[in-house]
């Protein structure tokens, strides 16, 4: 008995498959973004002065889409008894929000 030939996917099925692929890609990118330096307080980026927090945070592209990010605010936060700086960013393209953590380590004269 011969099998019936498969019909090509409908436009709706193709859109749904594309949407699933996009969601999977975003999940993968979010998982990778949690491993980046500064993604969590335990892996805070070391800087010399609080003046560079916003500049440094905005210099990194969005880990989800590669777009430019805007620093909405940055605040001094105490995490586990250690003073850190948290920069809250939002992407200009995909509007994703994320935080980048910084640890201030002043330069010591030699």
Protein backbone atom coordinates (compact mmCIF):
# COMPACT_ATOMS: atom_id res chain seq x y z
CA UNK A 1 0.00 0.00 0.00
CA UNK A 2 1.52 3.32 -1.06
CA UNK A 3 1.63 6.30 1.30
CA UNK A 4 -0.17 9.46 0.41
CA UNK A 5 2.18 12.31 -0.47
CA UNK A 6 2.46 14.95 2.26
CA UNK A 7 0.92 18.27 1.57
CA UNK A 8 3.19 21.28 1.87
CA UNK A 9 2.75 23.15 5.16
CA UNK A 10 0.17 25.89 5.22
CA UNK A 11 1.16 29.50 5.74
CA UNK A 12 -0.11 29.31 9.32
CA UNK A 13 1.96 26.20 10.05
CA UNK A 14 5.05 27.87 8.59
CA UNK A 15 4.50 30.96 10.78
CA UNK A 16 4.05 28.80 13.89
CA UNK A 17 7.25 26.89 13.13
CA UNK A 18 9.15 30.15 12.64
CA UNK A 19 7.76 31.51 15.94
CA UNK A 20 8.89 28.33 17.75
CA UNK A 21 12.37 28.70 16.28
CA UNK A 22 12.56 32.34 17.36
CA UNK A 23 11.43 31.51 20.92
CA UNK A 24 14.01 28.72 21.13
CA UNK A 25 16.75 31.08 19.90
CA UNK A 26 15.76 33.71 22.50
CA UNK A 27 15.82 31.10 25.29
CA UNK A 28 19.30 29.99 24.20
CA UNK A 29 20.54 33.58 24.09
CA UNK A 30 19.08 34.31 27.54
CA UNK A 31 20.80 31.25 28.97
CA UNK A 32 24.14 32.38 27.49
CA UNK A 33 23.55 35.94 28.77
CA UNK A 34 23.31 34.68 32.36
CA UNK A 35 26.89 33.42 32.05
CA UNK A 36 28.36 36.76 30.93
CA UNK A 37 30.53 38.85 33.27
CA UNK A 38 28.35 41.17 35.32
CA UNK A 39 25.15 39.18 34.76
CA UNK A 40 24.90 38.27 38.45
CA UNK A 41 26.36 39.91 41.58
CA UNK A 42 28.78 37.01 42.08
CA UNK A 43 30.43 37.81 38.72
CA UNK A 44 30.43 41.59 39.03
CA UNK A 45 32.70 43.52 36.65
CA UNK A 46 35.52 45.29 38.46
CA UNK A 47 35.82 49.02 37.78
CA UNK A 48 37.91 51.81 39.29
CA UNK A 49 35.21 54.45 39.75
CA UNK A 50 31.41 54.71 39.83
CA UNK A 51 31.70 57.35 37.09
CA UNK A 52 32.26 54.63 34.48
CA UNK A 53 29.25 52.47 35.36
CA UNK A 54 26.86 53.92 32.77
CA UNK A 55 29.49 54.24 30.04
CA UNK A 56 30.69 50.69 30.53
CA UNK A 57 27.16 49.25 30.76
CA UNK A 58 25.95 50.96 27.58
CA UNK A 59 29.05 49.91 25.64
CA UNK A 60 27.95 46.26 25.64
CA UNK A 61 25.45 45.22 22.96
CA UNK A 62 22.18 43.55 23.91
CA UNK A 63 22.84 39.82 24.35
CA UNK A 64 19.49 38.96 22.76
CA UNK A 65 19.47 41.04 19.57
CA UNK A 66 22.81 42.87 19.45
CA UNK A 67 21.17 46.29 19.64
CA UNK A 68 22.29 49.34 21.62
CA UNK A 69 21.27 49.53 25.25
CA UNK A 70 20.19 52.48 27.35
CA UNK A 71 21.06 52.76 31.02
CA UNK A 72 17.74 53.55 32.70
CA UNK A 73 19.38 53.95 36.10
CA UNK A 74 22.22 52.74 38.23
CA UNK A 75 22.15 52.34 41.96
CA UNK A 76 24.41 51.42 44.85
CA UNK A 77 23.25 48.09 46.26
CA UNK A 78 24.60 45.97 49.12
CA UNK A 79 24.61 42.26 48.26
CA UNK A 80 25.87 39.82 50.85
CA UNK A 81 27.50 42.65 52.81
CA UNK A 82 29.44 43.87 49.77
CA UNK A 83 28.69 47.23 48.13
CA UNK A 84 28.02 46.84 44.39
CA UNK A 85 26.60 48.98 41.61
CA UNK A 86 23.65 47.73 39.58
CA UNK A 87 23.05 49.26 36.16
CA UNK A 88 19.53 48.64 34.88
CA UNK A 89 19.52 48.56 31.09
CA UNK A 90 16.91 48.33 28.37
CA UNK A 91 17.52 47.52 24.71
CA UNK A 92 16.51 50.12 22.16
CA UNK A 93 15.53 47.45 19.60
CA UNK A 94 13.94 44.52 21.41
CA UNK A 95 13.14 46.40 24.66
CA UNK A 96 14.59 43.57 26.78
CA UNK A 97 15.54 44.60 30.29
CA UNK A 98 18.56 43.34 32.20
CA UNK A 99 20.91 44.31 35.01
CA UNK A 100 24.70 44.49 34.90
CA UNK A 101 26.61 44.37 38.18
CA UNK A 102 29.84 46.23 39.00
CA UNK A 103 32.32 46.06 41.88
CA UNK A 104 34.35 49.21 42.60
CA UNK A 105 38.01 48.37 43.13
CA UNK A 106 40.00 51.60 43.47
CA UNK A 107 43.42 51.71 41.87
CA UNK A 108 46.16 51.34 44.45
CA UNK A 109 49.39 53.27 44.01
CA UNK A 110 52.51 51.11 43.62
